[in-house]
Amino acid sequence: MRIEKIIVNKLFGIFDHEISLNMSDRITILHGKNGVGKTTVLRLVNGFFNSKYSELRAIPFEKLTIFFDDYTHLVILPKQIEDVMRKSFRFSLLKNGTNNKIESFEYKSKAKYLGSDRSFPISIIDEVIPNLERISARRWLHLLTDEILNLDDIIERFSHSLRV
């Protein structure tokens, strides 16, 4: 299954983008003015496929649709929950040309405290969670996966250990 097209609506509350991928040459060049969201669209797609939902949460958009070459498409809809910093996401896999859902689920953030307003000391991360090496004030290297994780990623993945 390969991605054929990406559509994002109201990126930053402003931009609508449709990116059709060149399936035959297997290379697509994105070009446009600075600040219209070329890299940000790629961050959204990467955030979904690599389960880095903090990327999806940090970027304002109304709807992300990814079309696949097996005649299905994935729709991602963000939704505010409880407080301003938390979002849930509705993921729906549908058959192209229909509204028939093949699969659908909602992801809700596990962490209670996302964003800059936190009620626990960040230093506790170094004490409680194994296999993390702090590389900057709010970034860690996960030694088992070689991933660079930001504070939101840590809270999402390890909230059970942090009790947040």
N, C-alpha and C. Protein backbone atom coordinates (compact mmCIF):
# COMPACT_ATOMS: atom_id res chain seq x y z
N MET A 1 0.85 -1.17 0.00
CA MET A 1 0.00 0.00 0.00
C MET A 1 0.90 1.24 0.00
N ARG A 2 0.72 2.10 -1.01
CA ARG A 2 1.51 3.32 -1.13
C ARG A 2 0.60 4.54 -1.10
N ILE A 3 1.16 5.63 -0.64
CA ILE A 3 0.41 6.89 -0.61
C ILE A 3 0.35 7.47 -2.01
N GLU A 4 -0.87 7.83 -2.46
CA GLU A 4 -1.05 8.47 -3.77
C GLU A 4 -1.25 9.97 -3.66
N LYS A 5 -1.97 10.40 -2.61
CA LYS A 5 -2.32 11.81 -2.52
C LYS A 5 -2.50 12.19 -1.06
N ILE A 6 -2.15 13.43 -0.74
CA ILE A 6 -2.32 13.97 0.60
C ILE A 6 -3.11 15.27 0.48
N ILE A 7 -4.16 15.40 1.26
CA ILE A 7 -4.94 16.64 1.30
C ILE A 7 -5.00 17.11 2.74
N VAL A 8 -4.66 18.36 2.96
CA VAL A 8 -4.80 18.95 4.30
C VAL A 8 -5.66 20.20 4.16
N ASN A 9 -6.65 20.30 5.03
CA ASN A 9 -7.57 21.44 5.02
C ASN A 9 -7.30 22.34 6.21
N LYS A 10 -7.30 23.63 5.93
CA LYS A 10 -7.16 24.69 6.95
C LYS A 10 -5.89 24.50 7.80
N LEU A 11 -4.77 24.24 7.12
CA LEU A 11 -3.49 24.19 7.80
C LEU A 11 -3.20 25.59 8.35
N PHE A 12 -2.88 25.70 9.60
CA PHE A 12 -2.71 26.98 10.31
C PHE A 12 -3.98 27.81 10.27
N GLY A 13 -5.12 27.17 9.99
CA GLY A 13 -6.38 27.89 9.89
C GLY A 13 -6.55 28.63 8.58
N ILE A 14 -5.61 28.48 7.64
CA ILE A 14 -5.60 29.28 6.41
C ILE A 14 -5.52 28.43 5.14
N PHE A 15 -4.50 27.57 5.07
CA PHE A 15 -4.13 26.94 3.81
C PHE A 15 -4.82 25.59 3.58
N ASP A 16 -5.23 25.36 2.34
CA ASP A 16 -5.70 24.06 1.87
C ASP A 16 -4.68 23.57 0.86
N HIS A 17 -4.16 22.37 1.05
CA HIS A 17 -3.15 21.82 0.15
C HIS A 17 -3.59 20.46 -0.36
N GLU A 18 -3.35 20.21 -1.63
CA GLU A 18 -3.55 18.89 -2.23
C GLU A 18 -2.25 18.52 -2.92
N ILE A 19 -1.65 17.41 -2.49
CA ILE A 19 -0.38 16.96 -3.03
C ILE A 19 -0.58 15.59 -3.64
N SER A 20 -0.50 15.52 -4.97
CA SER A 20 -0.57 14.23 -5.67
C SER A 20 0.85 13.74 -5.86
N LEU A 21 1.11 12.52 -5.42
CA LEU A 21 2.45 11.98 -5.53
C LEU A 21 2.66 11.34 -6.89
N ASN A 22 3.85 11.51 -7.44
CA ASN A 22 4.22 10.93 -8.72
C ASN A 22 4.51 9.45 -8.50
N MET A 23 3.54 8.61 -8.85
CA MET A 23 3.65 7.18 -8.56
C MET A 23 4.60 6.47 -9.53
N SER A 24 4.70 6.92 -10.76
CA SER A 24 5.53 6.21 -11.73
C SER A 24 7.03 6.48 -11.51
N ASP A 25 7.40 7.75 -11.30
CA ASP A 25 8.81 8.07 -11.08
C ASP A 25 9.23 7.91 -9.62
N ARG A 26 8.25 7.80 -8.73
CA ARG A 26 8.47 7.60 -7.30
C ARG A 26 9.24 8.75 -6.66
N ILE A 27 9.07 9.95 -7.21
CA ILE A 27 9.64 11.14 -6.60
C ILE A 27 8.69 12.30 -6.86
N THR A 28 8.45 13.08 -5.82
CA THR A 28 7.57 14.23 -5.93
C THR A 28 8.29 15.42 -5.32
N ILE A 29 8.28 16.53 -6.01
CA ILE A 29 8.93 17.75 -5.53
C ILE A 29 7.85 18.71 -5.05
N LEU A 30 7.98 19.14 -3.80
CA LEU A 30 7.07 20.13 -3.24
C LEU A 30 7.74 21.49 -3.37
N HIS A 31 7.02 22.44 -3.94
CA HIS A 31 7.57 23.79 -4.03
C HIS A 31 6.47 24.79 -3.74
N GLY A 32 6.86 25.90 -3.21
CA GLY A 32 5.93 26.96 -2.87
C GLY A 32 6.63 28.01 -2.05
N LYS A 33 5.93 29.08 -1.76
CA LYS A 33 6.51 30.17 -0.98
C LYS A 33 6.81 29.70 0.43
N ASN A 34 7.76 30.38 1.05
CA ASN A 34 8.08 30.10 2.45
C ASN A 34 6.85 30.36 3.32
N GLY A 35 6.62 29.45 4.26
CA GLY A 35 5.55 29.66 5.23
C GLY A 35 4.19 29.13 4.85
N VAL A 36 4.08 28.45 3.70
CA VAL A 36 2.76 27.93 3.30
C VAL A 36 2.50 26.52 3.83
N GLY A 37 3.53 25.88 4.42
CA GLY A 37 3.29 24.60 5.08
C GLY A 37 3.81 23.36 4.38
N LYS A 38 4.76 23.49 3.48
CA LYS A 38 5.29 22.31 2.78
C LYS A 38 5.88 21.30 3.77
N THR A 39 6.78 21.75 4.59
CA THR A 39 7.41 20.87 5.58
C THR A 39 6.41 20.43 6.63
N THR A 40 5.50 21.30 6.98
CA THR A 40 4.51 20.99 8.01
C THR A 40 3.59 19.86 7.58
N VAL A 41 3.20 19.82 6.32
CA VAL A 41 2.38 18.71 5.81
C VAL A 41 3.15 17.39 5.97
N LEU A 42 4.42 17.41 5.64
CA LEU A 42 5.24 16.20 5.79
C LEU A 42 5.37 15.80 7.27
N ARG A 43 5.46 16.79 8.16
CA ARG A 43 5.50 16.49 9.60
C ARG A 43 4.20 15.83 10.06
N LEU A 44 3.06 16.28 9.53
CA LEU A 44 1.78 15.66 9.88
C LEU A 44 1.75 14.19 9.46
N VAL A 45 2.15 13.93 8.23
CA VAL A 45 2.14 12.55 7.72
C VAL A 45 3.12 11.69 8.52
N ASN A 46 4.30 12.20 8.76
CA ASN A 46 5.29 11.48 9.56
C ASN A 46 4.79 11.24 10.98
N GLY A 47 4.15 12.24 11.56
CA GLY A 47 3.62 12.10 12.91
C GLY A 47 2.61 10.98 13.02
N PHE A 48 1.76 10.85 12.00
CA PHE A 48 0.78 9.76 12.03
C PHE A 48 1.46 8.40 11.88
N PHE A 49 2.26 8.25 10.84
CA PHE A 49 2.83 6.93 10.54
C PHE A 49 3.85 6.47 11.58
N ASN A 50 4.42 7.39 12.33
CA ASN A 50 5.39 7.01 13.36
C ASN A 50 4.82 7.17 14.77
N SER A 51 3.49 7.29 14.85
CA SER A 51 2.79 7.40 16.14
C SER A 51 3.35 8.50 17.03
N LYS A 52 3.76 9.60 16.41
CA LYS A 52 4.23 10.77 17.16
C LYS A 52 3.08 11.77 17.17
N TYR A 53 2.09 11.45 17.99
CA TYR A 53 0.87 12.25 17.99
C TYR A 53 1.09 13.65 18.55
N SER A 54 2.22 13.87 19.22
CA SER A 54 2.53 15.23 19.66
C SER A 54 2.73 16.13 18.44
N GLU A 55 3.21 15.59 17.34
CA GLU A 55 3.33 16.37 16.09
C GLU A 55 1.95 16.78 15.60
N LEU A 56 1.02 15.84 15.60
CA LEU A 56 -0.34 16.16 15.15
C LEU A 56 -0.98 17.19 16.08
N ARG A 57 -0.73 17.02 17.36
CA ARG A 57 -1.33 17.92 18.34
C ARG A 57 -0.78 19.34 18.23
N ALA A 58 0.50 19.47 17.88
CA ALA A 58 1.15 20.78 17.86
C ALA A 58 0.81 21.61 16.62
N ILE A 59 0.32 20.97 15.58
CA ILE A 59 0.08 21.67 14.31
C ILE A 59 -1.41 21.90 14.14
N PRO A 60 -1.83 23.16 13.96
CA PRO A 60 -3.25 23.43 13.76
C PRO A 60 -3.70 23.07 12.33
N PHE A 61 -4.68 22.17 12.25
CA PHE A 61 -5.28 21.81 10.97
C PHE A 61 -6.70 21.34 11.24
N GLU A 62 -7.53 21.40 10.20
CA GLU A 62 -8.93 20.99 10.35
C GLU A 62 -9.14 19.53 9.95
N LYS A 63 -8.41 19.09 8.91
CA LYS A 63 -8.61 17.73 8.41
C LYS A 63 -7.40 17.33 7.58
N LEU A 64 -6.96 16.08 7.75
CA LEU A 64 -5.88 15.52 6.95
C LEU A 64 -6.41 14.25 6.31
N THR A 65 -6.28 14.15 4.99
CA THR A 65 -6.74 12.97 4.26
C THR A 65 -5.57 12.41 3.47
N ILE A 66 -5.33 11.11 3.62
CA ILE A 66 -4.25 10.44 2.91
C ILE A 66 -4.88 9.34 2.05
N PHE A 67 -4.68 9.43 0.73
CA PHE A 67 -5.22 8.45 -0.21
C PHE A 67 -4.15 7.42 -0.54
N PHE A 68 -4.55 6.14 -0.57
CA PHE A 68 -3.64 5.04 -0.84
C PHE A 68 -3.95 4.41 -2.20
N ASP A 69 -2.99 3.65 -2.72
CA ASP A 69 -3.17 3.03 -4.03
C ASP A 69 -4.06 1.79 -4.01
N ASP A 70 -4.57 1.41 -2.83
CA ASP A 70 -5.50 0.27 -2.76
C ASP A 70 -6.96 0.74 -2.69
N TYR A 71 -7.20 1.98 -3.16
CA TYR A 71 -8.55 2.57 -3.23
C TYR A 71 -9.16 2.81 -1.86
N THR A 72 -8.31 3.09 -0.89
CA THR A 72 -8.79 3.50 0.43
C THR A 72 -8.19 4.85 0.76
N HIS A 73 -8.77 5.50 1.74
CA HIS A 73 -8.19 6.74 2.23
C HIS A 73 -8.40 6.85 3.73
N LEU A 74 -7.47 7.53 4.37
CA LEU A 74 -7.49 7.73 5.81
C LEU A 74 -7.84 9.19 6.07
N VAL A 75 -8.79 9.42 6.97
CA VAL A 75 -9.18 10.77 7.36
C VAL A 75 -8.81 10.96 8.83
N ILE A 76 -8.09 12.03 9.11
CA ILE A 76 -7.70 12.36 10.48
C ILE A 76 -8.34 13.69 10.84
N LEU A 77 -9.16 13.66 11.90
CA LEU A 77 -9.86 14.86 12.36
C LEU A 77 -9.47 15.16 13.80
N PRO A 78 -8.83 16.30 14.05
CA PRO A 78 -8.52 16.66 15.44
C PRO A 78 -9.74 17.24 16.14
N LYS A 79 -9.79 17.06 17.46
CA LYS A 79 -10.91 17.56 18.24
C LYS A 79 -10.39 17.97 19.61
N GLN A 80 -10.73 19.18 20.06
CA GLN A 80 -10.33 19.64 21.39
C GLN A 80 -11.09 18.83 22.44
N ILE A 81 -10.41 18.50 23.52
CA ILE A 81 -11.08 17.85 24.65
C ILE A 81 -10.68 18.52 25.95
N GLU A 82 -11.58 18.50 26.89
CA GLU A 82 -11.40 18.94 28.28
C GLU A 82 -10.77 20.31 28.44
N ASP A 83 -9.55 20.48 28.00
CA ASP A 83 -8.90 21.77 28.16
C ASP A 83 -8.21 22.15 26.86
N VAL A 84 -7.68 23.33 26.80
CA VAL A 84 -7.15 23.88 25.56
C VAL A 84 -5.97 23.08 25.01
N MET A 85 -5.15 22.50 25.88
CA MET A 85 -3.93 21.84 25.43
C MET A 85 -4.13 20.40 24.96
N ARG A 86 -5.29 19.83 25.19
CA ARG A 86 -5.48 18.43 24.83
C ARG A 86 -6.34 18.30 23.59
N LYS A 87 -5.98 17.34 22.76
CA LYS A 87 -6.76 17.04 21.57
C LYS A 87 -6.95 15.54 21.50
N SER A 88 -8.07 15.15 20.93
CA SER A 88 -8.23 13.75 20.55
C SER A 88 -8.23 13.75 19.03
N PHE A 89 -8.05 12.59 18.45
CA PHE A 89 -8.05 12.47 17.00
C PHE A 89 -8.96 11.33 16.59
N ARG A 90 -9.78 11.55 15.60
CA ARG A 90 -10.62 10.51 15.01
C ARG A 90 -9.91 10.06 13.75
N PHE A 91 -9.54 8.77 13.67
CA PHE A 91 -8.91 8.17 12.51
C PHE A 91 -9.95 7.28 11.85
N SER A 92 -10.20 7.50 10.56
CA SER A 92 -11.16 6.67 9.83
C SER A 92 -10.55 6.22 8.52
N LEU A 93 -10.57 4.92 8.27
CA LEU A 93 -10.13 4.36 6.99
C LEU A 93 -11.38 4.05 6.19
N LEU A 94 -11.48 4.63 4.98
CA LEU A 94 -12.68 4.50 4.17
C LEU A 94 -12.33 4.01 2.77
N LYS A 95 -13.33 3.43 2.09
CA LYS A 95 -13.19 3.08 0.68
C LYS A 95 -13.33 4.36 -0.13
N ASN A 96 -12.48 4.55 -1.13
CA ASN A 96 -12.57 5.74 -1.98
C ASN A 96 -13.92 5.82 -2.67
N GLY A 97 -14.43 7.03 -2.80
CA GLY A 97 -15.70 7.26 -3.49
C GLY A 97 -16.92 6.93 -2.66
N THR A 98 -16.72 6.51 -1.42
CA THR A 98 -17.85 6.17 -0.55
C THR A 98 -17.58 6.72 0.85
N ASN A 99 -18.57 6.65 1.67
CA ASN A 99 -18.39 6.97 3.09
C ASN A 99 -18.39 5.70 3.92
N ASN A 100 -18.19 4.55 3.27
CA ASN A 100 -18.17 3.27 3.97
C ASN A 100 -16.88 3.14 4.78
N LYS A 101 -17.02 3.11 6.09
CA LYS A 101 -15.86 2.99 6.96
C LYS A 101 -15.41 1.54 7.03
N ILE A 102 -14.13 1.34 6.79
CA ILE A 102 -13.53 0.02 6.94
C ILE A 102 -13.10 -0.15 8.40
N GLU A 103 -12.55 0.90 8.94
CA GLU A 103 -12.05 0.90 10.32
C GLU A 103 -12.11 2.33 10.84
N SER A 104 -12.38 2.47 12.12
CA SER A 104 -12.43 3.81 12.71
C SER A 104 -12.10 3.71 14.19
N PHE A 105 -11.30 4.64 14.68
CA PHE A 105 -11.05 4.69 16.11
C PHE A 105 -10.68 6.11 16.51
N GLU A 106 -10.80 6.37 17.81
CA GLU A 106 -10.45 7.68 18.34
C GLU A 106 -9.28 7.53 19.28
N TYR A 107 -8.30 8.40 19.10
CA TYR A 107 -7.14 8.42 19.98
C TYR A 107 -7.30 9.60 20.93
N LYS A 108 -7.24 9.33 22.22
CA LYS A 108 -7.28 10.39 23.22
C LYS A 108 -5.93 10.43 23.93
N SER A 109 -5.45 11.61 24.12
CA SER A 109 -4.18 11.80 24.81
C SER A 109 -4.24 11.17 26.20
N LYS A 110 -3.20 10.44 26.56
CA LYS A 110 -3.13 9.82 27.88
C LYS A 110 -2.67 10.82 28.93
N ALA A 111 -1.94 11.81 28.51
CA ALA A 111 -1.36 12.76 29.45
C ALA A 111 -2.35 13.84 29.82
N LYS A 112 -2.36 14.19 31.08
CA LYS A 112 -3.25 15.25 31.55
C LYS A 112 -2.62 16.62 31.37
N TYR A 113 -1.30 16.69 31.29
CA TYR A 113 -0.61 17.97 31.28
C TYR A 113 0.28 18.09 30.06
N LEU A 114 -0.25 18.64 29.01
CA LEU A 114 0.52 18.84 27.79
C LEU A 114 0.69 20.33 27.56
N GLY A 115 1.77 20.69 26.88
CA GLY A 115 2.01 22.10 26.63
C GLY A 115 2.92 22.67 27.71
N SER A 116 2.95 23.97 27.82
CA SER A 116 3.92 24.61 28.71
C SER A 116 3.49 24.60 30.18
N ASP A 117 2.21 24.41 30.47
CA ASP A 117 1.73 24.45 31.85
C ASP A 117 1.76 23.05 32.45
N ARG A 118 2.83 22.73 33.18
CA ARG A 118 2.98 21.41 33.76
C ARG A 118 3.06 21.52 35.27
N SER A 119 2.55 20.51 35.94
CA SER A 119 2.53 20.58 37.40
C SER A 119 3.48 19.56 38.03
N PHE A 120 4.52 19.14 37.32
CA PHE A 120 5.50 18.23 37.89
C PHE A 120 6.90 18.68 37.44
N PRO A 121 7.92 18.38 38.22
CA PRO A 121 9.27 18.78 37.82
C PRO A 121 9.79 17.90 36.69
N ILE A 122 10.34 18.52 35.68
CA ILE A 122 10.85 17.78 34.52
C ILE A 122 11.99 16.85 34.92
N SER A 123 12.72 17.19 35.95
CA SER A 123 13.85 16.36 36.39
C SER A 123 13.42 14.96 36.80
N ILE A 124 12.15 14.79 37.14
CA ILE A 124 11.67 13.46 37.53
C ILE A 124 11.75 12.47 36.37
N ILE A 125 11.71 12.97 35.15
CA ILE A 125 11.82 12.09 33.97
C ILE A 125 13.14 11.33 34.01
N ASP A 126 14.23 12.04 34.31
CA ASP A 126 15.55 11.41 34.36
C ASP A 126 15.64 10.37 35.47
N GLU A 127 14.90 10.57 36.54
CA GLU A 127 14.96 9.67 37.69
C GLU A 127 14.07 8.44 37.53
N VAL A 128 12.94 8.58 36.87
CA VAL A 128 11.91 7.54 36.87
C VAL A 128 11.92 6.67 35.61
N ILE A 129 12.26 7.25 34.48
CA ILE A 129 12.14 6.51 33.21
C ILE A 129 13.51 6.01 32.76
N PRO A 130 13.67 4.70 32.63
CA PRO A 130 14.96 4.15 32.20
C PRO A 130 15.18 4.33 30.70
N ASN A 131 16.41 4.21 30.29
CA ASN A 131 16.82 4.22 28.88
C ASN A 131 16.57 5.54 28.16
N LEU A 132 16.55 6.63 28.92
CA LEU A 132 16.46 7.96 28.33
C LEU A 132 17.71 8.74 28.71
N GLU A 133 18.26 9.44 27.74
CA GLU A 133 19.41 10.29 28.00
C GLU A 133 19.04 11.70 27.57
N ARG A 134 19.09 12.64 28.51
CA ARG A 134 18.73 14.02 28.20
C ARG A 134 19.80 14.62 27.29
N ILE A 135 19.37 15.21 26.16
CA ILE A 135 20.32 15.82 25.23
C ILE A 135 20.16 17.33 25.15
N SER A 136 19.07 17.85 25.68
CA SER A 136 18.89 19.30 25.82
C SER A 136 17.83 19.52 26.89
N ALA A 137 17.44 20.76 27.10
CA ALA A 137 16.52 21.08 28.19
C ALA A 137 15.22 20.29 28.11
N ARG A 138 14.69 20.10 26.91
CA ARG A 138 13.40 19.41 26.76
C ARG A 138 13.43 18.35 25.66
N ARG A 139 14.58 17.71 25.50
CA ARG A 139 14.71 16.63 24.51
C ARG A 139 15.54 15.51 25.11
N TRP A 140 15.15 14.27 24.77
CA TRP A 140 15.82 13.09 25.28
C TRP A 140 16.08 12.12 24.13
N LEU A 141 17.13 11.35 24.25
CA LEU A 141 17.41 10.25 23.33
C LEU A 141 16.93 8.98 23.99
N HIS A 142 16.04 8.26 23.31
CA HIS A 142 15.58 6.96 23.81
C HIS A 142 16.63 5.94 23.37
N LEU A 143 17.37 5.40 24.32
CA LEU A 143 18.53 4.57 24.01
C LEU A 143 18.17 3.25 23.33
N LEU A 144 16.96 2.76 23.53
CA LEU A 144 16.57 1.48 22.92
C LEU A 144 16.15 1.64 21.46
N THR A 145 15.62 2.81 21.10
CA THR A 145 15.10 3.01 19.74
C THR A 145 15.86 4.06 18.94
N ASP A 146 16.79 4.77 19.60
CA ASP A 146 17.53 5.88 18.98
C ASP A 146 16.63 7.02 18.52
N GLU A 147 15.45 7.13 19.11
CA GLU A 147 14.55 8.23 18.78
C GLU A 147 14.87 9.44 19.64
N ILE A 148 14.70 10.61 19.05
CA ILE A 148 14.78 11.86 19.81
C ILE A 148 13.34 12.19 20.21
N LEU A 149 13.11 12.33 21.50
CA LEU A 149 11.76 12.58 22.02
C LEU A 149 11.71 13.94 22.68
N ASN A 150 10.62 14.67 22.43
CA ASN A 150 10.43 15.94 23.13
C ASN A 150 9.59 15.67 24.38
N LEU A 151 9.34 16.72 25.13
CA LEU A 151 8.63 16.56 26.40
C LEU A 151 7.23 15.97 26.22
N ASP A 152 6.51 16.43 25.19
CA ASP A 152 5.17 15.88 24.94
C ASP A 152 5.24 14.40 24.59
N ASP A 153 6.25 14.00 23.80
CA ASP A 153 6.41 12.57 23.46
C ASP A 153 6.63 11.74 24.73
N ILE A 154 7.47 12.25 25.63
CA ILE A 154 7.76 11.54 26.88
C ILE A 154 6.48 11.37 27.70
N ILE A 155 5.72 12.44 27.82
CA ILE A 155 4.49 12.37 28.61
C ILE A 155 3.49 11.42 27.97
N GLU A 156 3.36 11.46 26.64
CA GLU A 156 2.45 10.55 25.95
C GLU A 156 2.84 9.09 26.19
N ARG A 157 4.11 8.77 26.03
CA ARG A 157 4.54 7.38 26.12
C ARG A 157 4.67 6.85 27.54
N PHE A 158 5.08 7.71 28.44
CA PHE A 158 5.44 7.24 29.78
C PHE A 158 4.59 7.86 30.88
N SER A 159 3.40 8.32 30.55
CA SER A 159 2.55 8.97 31.57
C SER A 159 2.23 8.01 32.72
N HIS A 160 2.15 6.71 32.43
CA HIS A 160 1.88 5.74 33.50
C HIS A 160 3.01 5.72 34.53
N SER A 161 4.24 5.91 34.09
CA SER A 161 5.37 5.94 35.02
C SER A 161 5.47 7.27 35.75
N LEU A 162 5.05 8.33 35.07
CA LEU A 162 5.13 9.67 35.66
C LEU A 162 3.92 10.00 36.51
N ARG A 163 2.87 9.21 36.34
CA ARG A 163 1.60 9.43 37.05
C ARG A 163 1.04 10.82 36.77
N VAL A 164 1.02 11.16 35.47
CA VAL A 164 0.41 12.44 35.07
C VAL A 164 -0.80 12.17 34.22
